[in-house]
Amino acid sequence: MPRKLAWKEWVNQFCRGYEEARNEGERRGFDVFFGWEETFDDCDDYLVYGLDKDWLLDHPEARKWTRGEQYREVRAAGGCVVQAHPFRQHYWIKRVVLSSGCVDGVEAANLGNMDRSYDALAMRYAWKLGLPVTAGSDIHDVCQVWNGNVVGVYVEEKLNGIGDFVRAILENKITGIKTTEGRCDWHGDERVLIPVEWRDDRDRIVKKGWKDFDLEA
């Protein structure tokens, strides 16, 4: 979707897929909650939960926010931020950015990761930081569902709205993740083969290089 569209038009088009899915969910009897993924520098992605279309319409400045600005504004509005697939290493990704000061959780399992070591690295990273983990199917084709390739999170009580999911993350009440067997297991030979940056809550680079992260310990 062109980012050059007028903000209101962009938001309306951006939210249309969710609205159609929500309507179909209501027809079929399952819940669909709203959230989105924000990308910085074509490198690192963040899942934003707990806000809505009206909030987006009221915040056109979000297009120019840094990671830190995004985090503070989302939290101030009652939402939360989860870093998606932080160790993904595909040809279009220039570097791994670990924005540990600007997230409330880490997506530890993502079926869009072709190499399972990326999930093992994410799980280890979340463990080192003491952050809750989530899992995403990253579905881009309905055939993924037909093949049973779906992952997700376990919680003790049914989620009745996106606010329940936000609270589960912020209060660290996700009891586990559903994923394929062994996908997040640590073997000790996992490596990052592209440049790595660790950023603080003000988006400042505080560490660089794979060896600075000490995920093996």
N, C-alpha and C. Protein backbone atom coordinates (compact mmCIF):
# COMPACT_ATOMS: atom_id res chain seq x y z
N MET A 1 0.84 -1.18 0.00
CA MET A 1 0.00 0.00 0.00
C MET A 1 0.89 1.26 0.00
N PRO A 2 0.69 2.18 -0.94
CA PRO A 2 1.57 3.35 -1.04
C PRO A 2 1.54 4.20 0.22
N ARG A 3 2.70 4.47 0.77
CA ARG A 3 2.79 5.32 1.95
C ARG A 3 2.54 6.79 1.61
N LYS A 4 2.50 7.14 0.34
CA LYS A 4 2.28 8.53 -0.06
C LYS A 4 0.81 8.92 -0.05
N LEU A 5 -0.06 7.97 0.20
CA LEU A 5 -1.48 8.30 0.28
C LEU A 5 -1.73 9.27 1.43
N ALA A 6 -2.80 10.05 1.33
CA ALA A 6 -3.22 10.87 2.45
C ALA A 6 -3.47 9.96 3.65
N TRP A 7 -3.16 10.44 4.85
CA TRP A 7 -3.17 9.58 6.02
C TRP A 7 -4.51 8.90 6.23
N LYS A 8 -5.61 9.62 6.13
CA LYS A 8 -6.93 9.03 6.37
C LYS A 8 -7.19 7.91 5.37
N GLU A 9 -6.86 8.16 4.11
CA GLU A 9 -7.08 7.13 3.08
C GLU A 9 -6.19 5.92 3.35
N TRP A 10 -4.93 6.20 3.74
CA TRP A 10 -4.02 5.09 4.02
C TRP A 10 -4.54 4.23 5.17
N VAL A 11 -4.98 4.86 6.25
CA VAL A 11 -5.48 4.12 7.40
C VAL A 11 -6.72 3.31 7.02
N ASN A 12 -7.61 3.92 6.26
CA ASN A 12 -8.83 3.20 5.86
C ASN A 12 -8.50 1.96 5.04
N GLN A 13 -7.56 2.08 4.13
CA GLN A 13 -7.18 0.92 3.33
C GLN A 13 -6.41 -0.10 4.17
N PHE A 14 -5.55 0.41 5.05
CA PHE A 14 -4.76 -0.46 5.91
C PHE A 14 -5.64 -1.32 6.80
N CYS A 15 -6.71 -0.76 7.31
CA CYS A 15 -7.58 -1.47 8.25
C CYS A 15 -8.63 -2.33 7.56
N ARG A 16 -8.74 -2.23 6.26
CA ARG A 16 -9.83 -2.93 5.57
C ARG A 16 -9.70 -4.45 5.69
N GLY A 17 -8.47 -4.96 5.59
CA GLY A 17 -8.29 -6.40 5.70
C GLY A 17 -8.74 -6.92 7.05
N TYR A 18 -8.38 -6.19 8.12
CA TYR A 18 -8.84 -6.58 9.45
C TYR A 18 -10.36 -6.54 9.54
N GLU A 19 -10.95 -5.49 9.03
CA GLU A 19 -12.40 -5.34 9.14
C GLU A 19 -13.13 -6.45 8.41
N GLU A 20 -12.62 -6.84 7.25
CA GLU A 20 -13.25 -7.93 6.52
C GLU A 20 -13.07 -9.25 7.28
N ALA A 21 -11.87 -9.46 7.84
CA ALA A 21 -11.64 -10.68 8.62
C ALA A 21 -12.51 -10.71 9.87
N ARG A 22 -12.64 -9.58 10.54
CA ARG A 22 -13.49 -9.50 11.74
C ARG A 22 -14.94 -9.83 11.40
N ASN A 23 -15.43 -9.27 10.29
CA ASN A 23 -16.82 -9.53 9.89
C ASN A 23 -17.03 -11.00 9.57
N GLU A 24 -16.06 -11.60 8.89
CA GLU A 24 -16.18 -13.02 8.57
C GLU A 24 -16.08 -13.86 9.84
N GLY A 25 -15.23 -13.43 10.77
CA GLY A 25 -15.13 -14.13 12.04
C GLY A 25 -16.43 -14.09 12.81
N GLU A 26 -17.08 -12.95 12.81
CA GLU A 26 -18.37 -12.84 13.48
C GLU A 26 -19.40 -13.77 12.84
N ARG A 27 -19.32 -13.90 11.52
CA ARG A 27 -20.26 -14.78 10.81
C ARG A 27 -20.01 -16.24 11.14
N ARG A 28 -18.74 -16.59 11.32
CA ARG A 28 -18.38 -17.99 11.54
C ARG A 28 -18.21 -18.35 13.02
N GLY A 29 -18.18 -17.33 13.88
CA GLY A 29 -18.12 -17.62 15.30
C GLY A 29 -16.72 -17.70 15.89
N PHE A 30 -15.76 -16.94 15.36
CA PHE A 30 -14.46 -16.88 15.99
C PHE A 30 -13.99 -15.43 16.06
N ASP A 31 -13.13 -15.17 17.02
CA ASP A 31 -12.70 -13.79 17.29
C ASP A 31 -11.51 -13.39 16.41
N VAL A 32 -11.53 -12.16 15.96
CA VAL A 32 -10.41 -11.57 15.22
C VAL A 32 -10.08 -10.25 15.89
N PHE A 33 -8.84 -10.10 16.33
CA PHE A 33 -8.41 -8.89 17.04
C PHE A 33 -7.48 -8.07 16.15
N PHE A 34 -7.45 -6.79 16.42
CA PHE A 34 -6.67 -5.86 15.59
C PHE A 34 -5.27 -5.67 16.14
N GLY A 35 -4.32 -5.58 15.23
CA GLY A 35 -2.93 -5.25 15.55
C GLY A 35 -2.21 -5.00 14.24
N TRP A 36 -0.99 -4.51 14.31
CA TRP A 36 -0.26 -4.31 13.07
C TRP A 36 1.24 -4.49 13.29
N GLU A 37 1.95 -4.58 12.17
CA GLU A 37 3.40 -4.74 12.19
C GLU A 37 4.03 -3.49 11.59
N GLU A 38 4.95 -2.90 12.33
CA GLU A 38 5.67 -1.70 11.87
C GLU A 38 7.12 -2.07 11.60
N THR A 39 7.65 -1.62 10.47
CA THR A 39 9.00 -1.96 10.05
C THR A 39 9.88 -0.72 10.04
N PHE A 40 11.12 -0.86 10.50
CA PHE A 40 12.09 0.22 10.49
C PHE A 40 13.28 -0.16 9.61
N ASP A 41 13.60 0.71 8.68
CA ASP A 41 14.80 0.57 7.84
C ASP A 41 14.84 -0.76 7.08
N ASP A 42 13.69 -1.36 6.81
CA ASP A 42 13.64 -2.66 6.12
C ASP A 42 14.42 -3.73 6.86
N CYS A 43 14.60 -3.55 8.18
CA CYS A 43 15.39 -4.51 8.96
C CYS A 43 14.60 -5.17 10.08
N ASP A 44 14.01 -4.37 10.95
CA ASP A 44 13.39 -4.92 12.15
C ASP A 44 11.91 -4.55 12.22
N ASP A 45 11.11 -5.51 12.68
CA ASP A 45 9.66 -5.40 12.67
C ASP A 45 9.11 -5.49 14.09
N TYR A 46 8.03 -4.74 14.33
CA TYR A 46 7.43 -4.67 15.66
C TYR A 46 5.91 -4.86 15.56
N LEU A 47 5.38 -5.71 16.41
CA LEU A 47 3.96 -5.99 16.47
C LEU A 47 3.33 -5.08 17.52
N VAL A 48 2.35 -4.30 17.10
CA VAL A 48 1.69 -3.34 17.99
C VAL A 48 0.29 -3.84 18.29
N TYR A 49 -0.02 -3.97 19.57
CA TYR A 49 -1.32 -4.48 20.01
C TYR A 49 -1.98 -3.51 20.99
N GLY A 50 -3.30 -3.48 20.97
CA GLY A 50 -4.04 -2.74 21.98
C GLY A 50 -4.58 -1.40 21.54
N LEU A 51 -4.26 -0.96 20.34
CA LEU A 51 -4.76 0.30 19.82
C LEU A 51 -5.74 0.02 18.68
N ASP A 52 -6.36 1.06 18.16
CA ASP A 52 -7.41 0.83 17.18
C ASP A 52 -7.30 1.81 16.01
N LYS A 53 -8.24 1.72 15.11
CA LYS A 53 -8.24 2.55 13.91
C LYS A 53 -8.34 4.03 14.26
N ASP A 54 -9.18 4.36 15.23
CA ASP A 54 -9.32 5.77 15.63
C ASP A 54 -8.00 6.33 16.14
N TRP A 55 -7.26 5.51 16.88
CA TRP A 55 -5.96 5.97 17.37
C TRP A 55 -5.03 6.24 16.20
N LEU A 56 -5.02 5.36 15.24
CA LEU A 56 -4.19 5.57 14.06
C LEU A 56 -4.58 6.85 13.33
N LEU A 57 -5.87 7.07 13.15
CA LEU A 57 -6.33 8.26 12.46
C LEU A 57 -5.88 9.53 13.18
N ASP A 58 -5.79 9.46 14.50
CA ASP A 58 -5.40 10.62 15.29
C ASP A 58 -3.89 10.83 15.37
N HIS A 59 -3.11 9.91 14.81
CA HIS A 59 -1.65 9.99 14.97
C HIS A 59 -0.91 9.86 13.63
N PRO A 60 -1.12 10.79 12.71
CA PRO A 60 -0.37 10.73 11.44
C PRO A 60 1.13 10.86 11.64
N GLU A 61 1.55 11.44 12.77
CA GLU A 61 2.97 11.59 13.03
C GLU A 61 3.66 10.25 13.26
N ALA A 62 2.87 9.20 13.44
CA ALA A 62 3.45 7.87 13.68
C ALA A 62 4.35 7.44 12.52
N ARG A 63 4.10 7.98 11.34
CA ARG A 63 4.91 7.62 10.18
C ARG A 63 6.38 7.97 10.36
N LYS A 64 6.67 8.94 11.22
CA LYS A 64 8.04 9.43 11.36
C LYS A 64 8.66 9.08 12.71
N TRP A 65 7.98 8.29 13.50
CA TRP A 65 8.50 7.95 14.82
C TRP A 65 9.72 7.06 14.75
N THR A 66 10.60 7.22 15.72
CA THR A 66 11.68 6.26 15.93
C THR A 66 11.11 5.05 16.68
N ARG A 67 11.93 4.05 16.87
CA ARG A 67 11.49 2.88 17.66
C ARG A 67 11.10 3.30 19.07
N GLY A 68 11.93 4.15 19.66
CA GLY A 68 11.66 4.59 21.02
C GLY A 68 10.39 5.43 21.12
N GLU A 69 10.19 6.33 20.18
CA GLU A 69 8.98 7.15 20.18
C GLU A 69 7.75 6.29 20.01
N GLN A 70 7.84 5.32 19.10
CA GLN A 70 6.71 4.41 18.92
C GLN A 70 6.38 3.70 20.22
N TYR A 71 7.39 3.17 20.89
CA TYR A 71 7.15 2.42 22.12
C TYR A 71 6.50 3.28 23.20
N ARG A 72 7.04 4.46 23.41
CA ARG A 72 6.48 5.30 24.47
C ARG A 72 5.06 5.74 24.17
N GLU A 73 4.77 6.05 22.92
CA GLU A 73 3.42 6.48 22.56
C GLU A 73 2.42 5.32 22.66
N VAL A 74 2.83 4.16 22.21
CA VAL A 74 1.94 2.99 22.29
C VAL A 74 1.65 2.64 23.74
N ARG A 75 2.67 2.63 24.57
CA ARG A 75 2.46 2.31 25.98
C ARG A 75 1.59 3.37 26.66
N ALA A 76 1.80 4.63 26.32
CA ALA A 76 1.00 5.71 26.92
C ALA A 76 -0.47 5.56 26.57
N ALA A 77 -0.75 4.96 25.42
CA ALA A 77 -2.13 4.77 24.97
C ALA A 77 -2.73 3.45 25.45
N GLY A 78 -1.97 2.68 26.22
CA GLY A 78 -2.48 1.43 26.77
C GLY A 78 -2.17 0.19 25.97
N GLY A 79 -1.32 0.31 24.96
CA GLY A 79 -0.96 -0.85 24.15
C GLY A 79 0.38 -1.44 24.55
N CYS A 80 0.87 -2.35 23.72
CA CYS A 80 2.19 -2.95 23.96
C CYS A 80 2.85 -3.24 22.62
N VAL A 81 4.16 -3.50 22.69
CA VAL A 81 4.96 -3.73 21.49
C VAL A 81 5.76 -5.01 21.66
N VAL A 82 5.72 -5.87 20.65
CA VAL A 82 6.48 -7.12 20.63
C VAL A 82 7.38 -7.10 19.41
N GLN A 83 8.66 -7.40 19.59
CA GLN A 83 9.53 -7.46 18.42
C GLN A 83 9.30 -8.77 17.68
N ALA A 84 9.01 -8.65 16.39
CA ALA A 84 8.74 -9.82 15.56
C ALA A 84 10.04 -10.41 15.03
N HIS A 85 10.11 -11.75 15.03
CA HIS A 85 11.23 -12.51 14.43
C HIS A 85 12.55 -11.73 14.44
N PRO A 86 13.10 -11.40 15.61
CA PRO A 86 14.24 -10.48 15.67
C PRO A 86 15.51 -10.98 15.00
N PHE A 87 15.67 -12.28 14.82
CA PHE A 87 16.92 -12.81 14.27
C PHE A 87 16.77 -13.31 12.83
N ARG A 88 15.70 -12.91 12.17
CA ARG A 88 15.52 -13.32 10.77
C ARG A 88 16.67 -12.78 9.93
N GLN A 89 17.21 -13.65 9.07
CA GLN A 89 18.34 -13.28 8.23
C GLN A 89 18.03 -13.66 6.78
N HIS A 90 17.30 -12.80 6.11
CA HIS A 90 16.98 -13.00 4.70
C HIS A 90 17.77 -12.00 3.85
N TYR A 91 17.75 -12.20 2.55
CA TYR A 91 18.62 -11.43 1.67
C TYR A 91 18.32 -9.93 1.70
N TRP A 92 17.09 -9.54 2.02
CA TRP A 92 16.75 -8.12 2.01
C TRP A 92 17.03 -7.43 3.35
N ILE A 93 17.39 -8.18 4.36
CA ILE A 93 17.62 -7.61 5.68
C ILE A 93 19.10 -7.25 5.84
N LYS A 94 19.37 -5.98 6.08
CA LYS A 94 20.75 -5.50 6.12
C LYS A 94 21.44 -5.81 7.44
N ARG A 95 20.67 -5.87 8.53
CA ARG A 95 21.28 -6.11 9.84
C ARG A 95 20.20 -6.57 10.82
N VAL A 96 20.62 -7.23 11.87
CA VAL A 96 19.74 -7.59 12.97
C VAL A 96 19.77 -6.44 13.97
N VAL A 97 18.60 -5.91 14.29
CA VAL A 97 18.48 -4.83 15.27
C VAL A 97 17.71 -5.36 16.47
N LEU A 98 18.34 -5.36 17.63
CA LEU A 98 17.71 -5.82 18.86
C LEU A 98 17.38 -4.60 19.70
N SER A 99 16.14 -4.17 19.60
CA SER A 99 15.71 -2.94 20.28
C SER A 99 15.12 -3.31 21.63
N SER A 100 15.97 -3.79 22.53
CA SER A 100 15.49 -4.37 23.77
C SER A 100 14.82 -3.36 24.69
N GLY A 101 15.15 -2.07 24.56
CA GLY A 101 14.55 -1.07 25.41
C GLY A 101 13.21 -0.57 24.93
N CYS A 102 12.74 -1.07 23.81
CA CYS A 102 11.51 -0.56 23.21
C CYS A 102 10.47 -1.64 22.97
N VAL A 103 10.56 -2.75 23.70
CA VAL A 103 9.62 -3.83 23.50
C VAL A 103 9.18 -4.43 24.83
N ASP A 104 8.00 -5.04 24.82
CA ASP A 104 7.45 -5.71 25.99
C ASP A 104 7.55 -7.23 25.88
N GLY A 105 7.91 -7.72 24.71
CA GLY A 105 7.99 -9.15 24.50
C GLY A 105 8.73 -9.45 23.20
N VAL A 106 8.96 -10.72 22.96
CA VAL A 106 9.71 -11.18 21.78
C VAL A 106 8.92 -12.29 21.11
N GLU A 107 8.77 -12.19 19.80
CA GLU A 107 8.16 -13.29 19.05
C GLU A 107 9.23 -14.38 18.88
N ALA A 108 9.07 -15.45 19.61
CA ALA A 108 10.10 -16.49 19.64
C ALA A 108 9.92 -17.55 18.57
N ALA A 109 8.71 -17.70 18.05
CA ALA A 109 8.47 -18.68 16.98
C ALA A 109 7.71 -18.00 15.86
N ASN A 110 8.22 -18.13 14.65
CA ASN A 110 7.57 -17.54 13.48
C ASN A 110 7.74 -18.48 12.31
N LEU A 111 6.63 -18.94 11.75
CA LEU A 111 6.70 -19.93 10.68
C LEU A 111 7.20 -19.36 9.36
N GLY A 112 7.37 -18.02 9.29
CA GLY A 112 7.99 -17.43 8.12
C GLY A 112 9.50 -17.55 8.13
N ASN A 113 10.06 -18.01 9.25
CA ASN A 113 11.51 -18.21 9.35
C ASN A 113 11.87 -19.56 8.73
N MET A 114 12.58 -19.51 7.62
CA MET A 114 12.94 -20.75 6.93
C MET A 114 13.99 -21.54 7.70
N ASP A 115 14.81 -20.85 8.47
CA ASP A 115 15.83 -21.51 9.27
C ASP A 115 15.36 -21.51 10.72
N ARG A 116 15.20 -22.67 11.32
CA ARG A 116 14.70 -22.76 12.69
C ARG A 116 15.65 -22.14 13.70
N SER A 117 16.91 -21.99 13.35
CA SER A 117 17.84 -21.39 14.30
C SER A 117 17.46 -19.96 14.64
N TYR A 118 16.74 -19.29 13.74
CA TYR A 118 16.30 -17.92 14.03
C TYR A 118 15.35 -17.91 15.22
N ASP A 119 14.51 -18.94 15.31
CA ASP A 119 13.58 -19.04 16.43
C ASP A 119 14.32 -19.41 17.72
N ALA A 120 15.30 -20.29 17.60
CA ALA A 120 16.09 -20.65 18.78
C ALA A 120 16.83 -19.43 19.33
N LEU A 121 17.36 -18.61 18.45
CA LEU A 121 18.04 -17.38 18.86
C LEU A 121 17.06 -16.44 19.55
N ALA A 122 15.85 -16.31 18.99
CA ALA A 122 14.85 -15.42 19.58
C ALA A 122 14.42 -15.90 20.96
N MET A 123 14.23 -17.19 21.10
CA MET A 123 13.84 -17.73 22.39
C MET A 123 14.95 -17.50 23.43
N ARG A 124 16.18 -17.72 23.03
CA ARG A 124 17.31 -17.52 23.94
C ARG A 124 17.43 -16.05 24.33
N TYR A 125 17.24 -15.18 23.37
CA TYR A 125 17.31 -13.74 23.60
C TYR A 125 16.24 -13.30 24.60
N ALA A 126 15.00 -13.76 24.41
CA ALA A 126 13.92 -13.42 25.34
C ALA A 126 14.22 -13.94 26.74
N TRP A 127 14.76 -15.14 26.81
CA TRP A 127 15.11 -15.74 28.10
C TRP A 127 16.17 -14.91 28.81
N LYS A 128 17.17 -14.45 28.06
CA LYS A 128 18.23 -13.65 28.66
C LYS A 128 17.69 -12.32 29.19
N LEU A 129 16.69 -11.75 28.51
CA LEU A 129 16.13 -10.46 28.91
C LEU A 129 15.00 -10.61 29.92
N GLY A 130 14.50 -11.82 30.10
CA GLY A 130 13.37 -12.03 30.99
C GLY A 130 12.06 -11.52 30.43
N LEU A 131 11.92 -11.53 29.11
CA LEU A 131 10.72 -11.02 28.46
C LEU A 131 9.78 -12.17 28.08
N PRO A 132 8.48 -11.93 28.07
CA PRO A 132 7.54 -12.96 27.61
C PRO A 132 7.71 -13.21 26.11
N VAL A 133 7.30 -14.39 25.68
CA VAL A 133 7.43 -14.74 24.26
C VAL A 133 6.05 -14.97 23.65
N THR A 134 5.97 -14.69 22.36
CA THR A 134 4.77 -14.98 21.59
C THR A 134 5.17 -15.82 20.38
N ALA A 135 4.18 -16.23 19.61
CA ALA A 135 4.43 -17.03 18.40
C ALA A 135 3.48 -16.58 17.31
N GLY A 136 3.97 -16.55 16.08
CA GLY A 136 3.13 -16.11 14.96
C GLY A 136 3.25 -17.03 13.77
N SER A 137 2.11 -17.33 13.16
CA SER A 137 2.11 -18.20 11.98
C SER A 137 2.60 -17.47 10.74
N ASP A 138 2.52 -16.13 10.74
CA ASP A 138 2.97 -15.34 9.59
C ASP A 138 2.30 -15.81 8.30
N ILE A 139 1.00 -15.98 8.36
CA ILE A 139 0.26 -16.57 7.24
C ILE A 139 0.12 -15.57 6.09
N HIS A 140 0.59 -15.94 4.93
CA HIS A 140 0.43 -15.15 3.72
C HIS A 140 -0.37 -15.90 2.66
N ASP A 141 -0.74 -17.13 2.96
CA ASP A 141 -1.47 -17.96 2.02
C ASP A 141 -2.34 -18.92 2.81
N VAL A 142 -3.61 -19.07 2.40
CA VAL A 142 -4.53 -19.92 3.15
C VAL A 142 -4.07 -21.37 3.17
N CYS A 143 -3.23 -21.77 2.22
CA CYS A 143 -2.74 -23.15 2.20
C CYS A 143 -1.95 -23.48 3.47
N GLN A 144 -1.35 -22.47 4.09
CA GLN A 144 -0.62 -22.72 5.33
C GLN A 144 -1.56 -23.26 6.41
N VAL A 145 -2.78 -22.75 6.44
CA VAL A 145 -3.75 -23.20 7.43
C VAL A 145 -4.21 -24.60 7.10
N TRP A 146 -4.50 -24.85 5.84
CA TRP A 146 -4.94 -26.18 5.43
C TRP A 146 -3.90 -27.24 5.76
N ASN A 147 -2.63 -26.85 5.70
CA ASN A 147 -1.56 -27.80 5.99
C ASN A 147 -1.30 -27.95 7.49
N GLY A 148 -2.04 -27.21 8.28
CA GLY A 148 -1.87 -27.29 9.72
C GLY A 148 -0.70 -26.51 10.26
N ASN A 149 -0.11 -25.66 9.42
CA ASN A 149 1.06 -24.91 9.85
C ASN A 149 0.64 -23.62 10.56
N VAL A 150 0.22 -23.76 11.79
CA VAL A 150 -0.16 -22.61 12.60
C VAL A 150 0.48 -22.72 13.97
N VAL A 151 0.86 -21.58 14.52
CA VAL A 151 1.41 -21.53 15.87
C VAL A 151 0.68 -20.44 16.62
N GLY A 152 0.88 -20.38 17.93
CA GLY A 152 0.20 -19.37 18.72
C GLY A 152 0.63 -19.45 20.17
N VAL A 153 -0.15 -18.81 21.04
CA VAL A 153 0.19 -18.76 22.46
C VAL A 153 -0.89 -19.46 23.28
N TYR A 154 -0.49 -19.91 24.46
CA TYR A 154 -1.43 -20.47 25.43
C TYR A 154 -1.62 -19.47 26.57
N VAL A 155 -2.85 -19.28 26.96
CA VAL A 155 -3.19 -18.46 28.13
C VAL A 155 -4.19 -19.23 28.98
N GLU A 156 -4.30 -18.84 30.24
CA GLU A 156 -5.15 -19.58 31.16
C GLU A 156 -6.64 -19.34 30.92
N GLU A 157 -6.99 -18.16 30.44
CA GLU A 157 -8.39 -17.83 30.22
C GLU A 157 -8.60 -17.34 28.79
N LYS A 158 -9.81 -17.50 28.30
CA LYS A 158 -10.16 -17.07 26.95
C LYS A 158 -9.93 -15.56 26.80
N LEU A 159 -9.36 -15.18 25.67
CA LEU A 159 -9.18 -13.76 25.38
C LEU A 159 -10.46 -13.21 24.77
N ASN A 160 -11.04 -12.25 25.44
CA ASN A 160 -12.30 -11.66 24.97
C ASN A 160 -12.10 -10.38 24.18
N GLY A 161 -10.87 -9.94 24.09
CA GLY A 161 -10.56 -8.75 23.33
C GLY A 161 -9.06 -8.55 23.29
N ILE A 162 -8.62 -7.62 22.46
CA ILE A 162 -7.17 -7.41 22.33
C ILE A 162 -6.58 -6.91 23.64
N GLY A 163 -7.38 -6.24 24.46
CA GLY A 163 -6.89 -5.79 25.76
C GLY A 163 -6.46 -6.94 26.65
N ASP A 164 -7.15 -8.06 26.55
CA ASP A 164 -6.77 -9.25 27.32
C ASP A 164 -5.40 -9.76 26.89
N PHE A 165 -5.14 -9.70 25.59
CA PHE A 165 -3.85 -10.15 25.08
C PHE A 165 -2.73 -9.21 25.54
N VAL A 166 -3.02 -7.91 25.50
CA VAL A 166 -2.03 -6.93 25.97
C VAL A 166 -1.69 -7.19 27.43
N ARG A 167 -2.70 -7.42 28.25
CA ARG A 167 -2.46 -7.68 29.68
C ARG A 167 -1.67 -8.98 29.87
N ALA A 168 -1.95 -9.98 29.06
CA ALA A 168 -1.22 -11.25 29.18
C ALA A 168 0.27 -11.04 28.91
N ILE A 169 0.59 -10.15 27.98
CA ILE A 169 1.99 -9.85 27.67
C ILE A 169 2.61 -9.00 28.78
N LEU A 170 1.95 -7.91 29.13
CA LEU A 170 2.52 -6.98 30.10
C LEU A 170 2.65 -7.61 31.49
N GLU A 171 1.74 -8.51 31.83
CA GLU A 171 1.78 -9.16 33.13
C GLU A 171 2.47 -10.52 33.08
N ASN A 172 3.06 -10.82 31.92
CA ASN A 172 3.81 -12.07 31.72
C ASN A 172 2.96 -13.29 32.08
N LYS A 173 1.73 -13.31 31.56
CA LYS A 173 0.80 -14.40 31.86
C LYS A 173 0.59 -15.35 30.68
N ILE A 174 1.42 -15.24 29.66
CA ILE A 174 1.38 -16.24 28.59
C ILE A 174 2.03 -17.51 29.13
N THR A 175 1.29 -18.59 29.13
CA THR A 175 1.76 -19.81 29.80
C THR A 175 2.61 -20.69 28.90
N GLY A 176 2.62 -20.42 27.61
CA GLY A 176 3.43 -21.21 26.70
C GLY A 176 3.11 -20.86 25.27
N ILE A 177 3.85 -21.44 24.35
CA ILE A 177 3.57 -21.23 22.93
C ILE A 177 3.36 -22.56 22.24
N LYS A 178 2.46 -22.56 21.26
CA LYS A 178 2.23 -23.73 20.42
C LYS A 178 3.09 -23.59 19.18
N THR A 179 3.98 -24.52 18.97
CA THR A 179 4.83 -24.46 17.79
C THR A 179 5.21 -25.88 17.39
N THR A 180 5.91 -26.01 16.30
CA THR A 180 6.33 -27.34 15.86
C THR A 180 7.46 -27.84 16.75
N GLU A 181 7.53 -29.14 16.91
CA GLU A 181 8.46 -29.75 17.85
C GLU A 181 9.91 -29.38 17.55
N GLY A 182 10.60 -28.91 18.56
CA GLY A 182 12.02 -28.62 18.43
C GLY A 182 12.36 -27.32 17.75
N ARG A 183 11.35 -26.56 17.36
CA ARG A 183 11.61 -25.36 16.55
C ARG A 183 12.44 -24.32 17.31
N CYS A 184 12.21 -24.18 18.59
CA CYS A 184 12.89 -23.16 19.38
C CYS A 184 14.02 -23.72 20.24
N ASP A 185 14.37 -24.99 20.04
CA ASP A 185 15.40 -25.61 20.87
C ASP A 185 16.78 -25.03 20.58
N TRP A 186 17.53 -24.79 21.64
CA TRP A 186 18.89 -24.24 21.52
C TRP A 186 19.89 -25.38 21.41
N HIS A 187 20.77 -25.31 20.39
CA HIS A 187 21.78 -26.34 20.18
C HIS A 187 23.20 -25.83 20.38
N GLY A 188 23.37 -24.52 20.41
CA GLY A 188 24.69 -23.94 20.65
C GLY A 188 25.45 -23.59 19.40
N ASP A 189 24.96 -24.02 18.23
CA ASP A 189 25.67 -23.68 16.99
C ASP A 189 24.95 -22.58 16.21
N GLU A 190 23.94 -21.97 16.82
CA GLU A 190 23.22 -20.88 16.15
C GLU A 190 24.12 -19.65 16.03
N ARG A 191 24.06 -18.99 14.89
CA ARG A 191 24.90 -17.82 14.65
C ARG A 191 24.13 -16.77 13.85
N VAL A 192 24.59 -15.52 14.02
CA VAL A 192 24.07 -14.42 13.20
C VAL A 192 25.16 -14.06 12.20
N LEU A 193 24.82 -14.09 10.93
CA LEU A 193 25.82 -13.92 9.87
C LEU A 193 25.78 -12.55 9.22
N ILE A 194 24.96 -11.65 9.74
CA ILE A 194 24.90 -10.28 9.25
C ILE A 194 25.17 -9.35 10.43
N PRO A 195 25.45 -8.06 10.17
CA PRO A 195 25.73 -7.14 11.28
C PRO A 195 24.60 -7.11 12.32
N VAL A 196 25.00 -6.90 13.58
CA VAL A 196 24.05 -6.89 14.69
C VAL A 196 24.18 -5.59 15.47
N GLU A 197 23.04 -5.02 15.84
CA GLU A 197 23.01 -3.83 16.69
C GLU A 197 22.09 -4.08 17.87
N TRP A 198 22.50 -3.64 19.03
CA TRP A 198 21.64 -3.65 20.21
C TRP A 198 21.35 -2.18 20.55
N ARG A 199 20.05 -1.81 20.59
CA ARG A 199 19.66 -0.41 20.82
C ARG A 199 18.92 -0.26 22.15
N ASP A 200 19.08 0.92 22.77
CA ASP A 200 18.43 1.16 24.05
C ASP A 200 17.07 1.84 23.85
N ASP A 201 16.47 2.31 24.94
CA ASP A 201 15.13 2.86 24.86
C ASP A 201 15.07 4.21 24.17
N ARG A 202 16.21 4.80 23.87
CA ARG A 202 16.27 6.05 23.12
C ARG A 202 16.77 5.82 21.69
N ASP A 203 16.78 4.55 21.29
CA ASP A 203 17.17 4.17 19.94
C ASP A 203 18.65 4.40 19.67
N ARG A 204 19.45 4.42 20.73
CA ARG A 204 20.88 4.58 20.58
C ARG A 204 21.55 3.21 20.52
N ILE A 205 22.53 3.06 19.63
CA ILE A 205 23.26 1.80 19.53
C ILE A 205 24.20 1.68 20.73
N VAL A 206 24.03 0.64 21.53
CA VAL A 206 24.87 0.46 22.72
C VAL A 206 25.82 -0.73 22.57
N LYS A 207 25.53 -1.63 21.66
CA LYS A 207 26.42 -2.75 21.39
C LYS A 207 26.35 -3.07 19.90
N LYS A 208 27.44 -3.59 19.38
CA LYS A 208 27.48 -4.02 17.98
C LYS A 208 28.29 -5.30 17.89
N GLY A 209 27.86 -6.15 16.96
CA GLY A 209 28.62 -7.38 16.74
C GLY A 209 28.03 -8.57 17.45
N TRP A 210 28.08 -9.69 16.83
CA TRP A 210 27.47 -10.92 17.34
C TRP A 210 28.03 -11.34 18.70
N LYS A 211 29.33 -11.20 18.91
CA LYS A 211 29.95 -11.72 20.12
C LYS A 211 29.57 -10.93 21.37
N ASP A 212 29.03 -9.72 21.21
CA ASP A 212 28.67 -8.90 22.36
C ASP A 212 27.40 -9.37 23.06
N PHE A 213 26.68 -10.31 22.46
CA PHE A 213 25.35 -10.63 23.00
C PHE A 213 25.33 -11.81 23.93
N ASP A 214 26.35 -12.63 23.91
CA ASP A 214 26.52 -13.66 24.92
C ASP A 214 25.25 -14.51 25.09
N LEU A 215 24.67 -14.95 24.00
CA LEU A 215 23.47 -15.78 24.09
C LEU A 215 23.79 -17.23 24.43
N GLU A 216 25.06 -17.60 24.33
CA GLU A 216 25.42 -18.99 24.55
C GLU A 216 25.42 -19.34 26.05
N ALA A 217 25.62 -18.35 26.90
CA ALA A 217 25.74 -18.61 28.33
C ALA A 217 24.39 -18.94 28.94
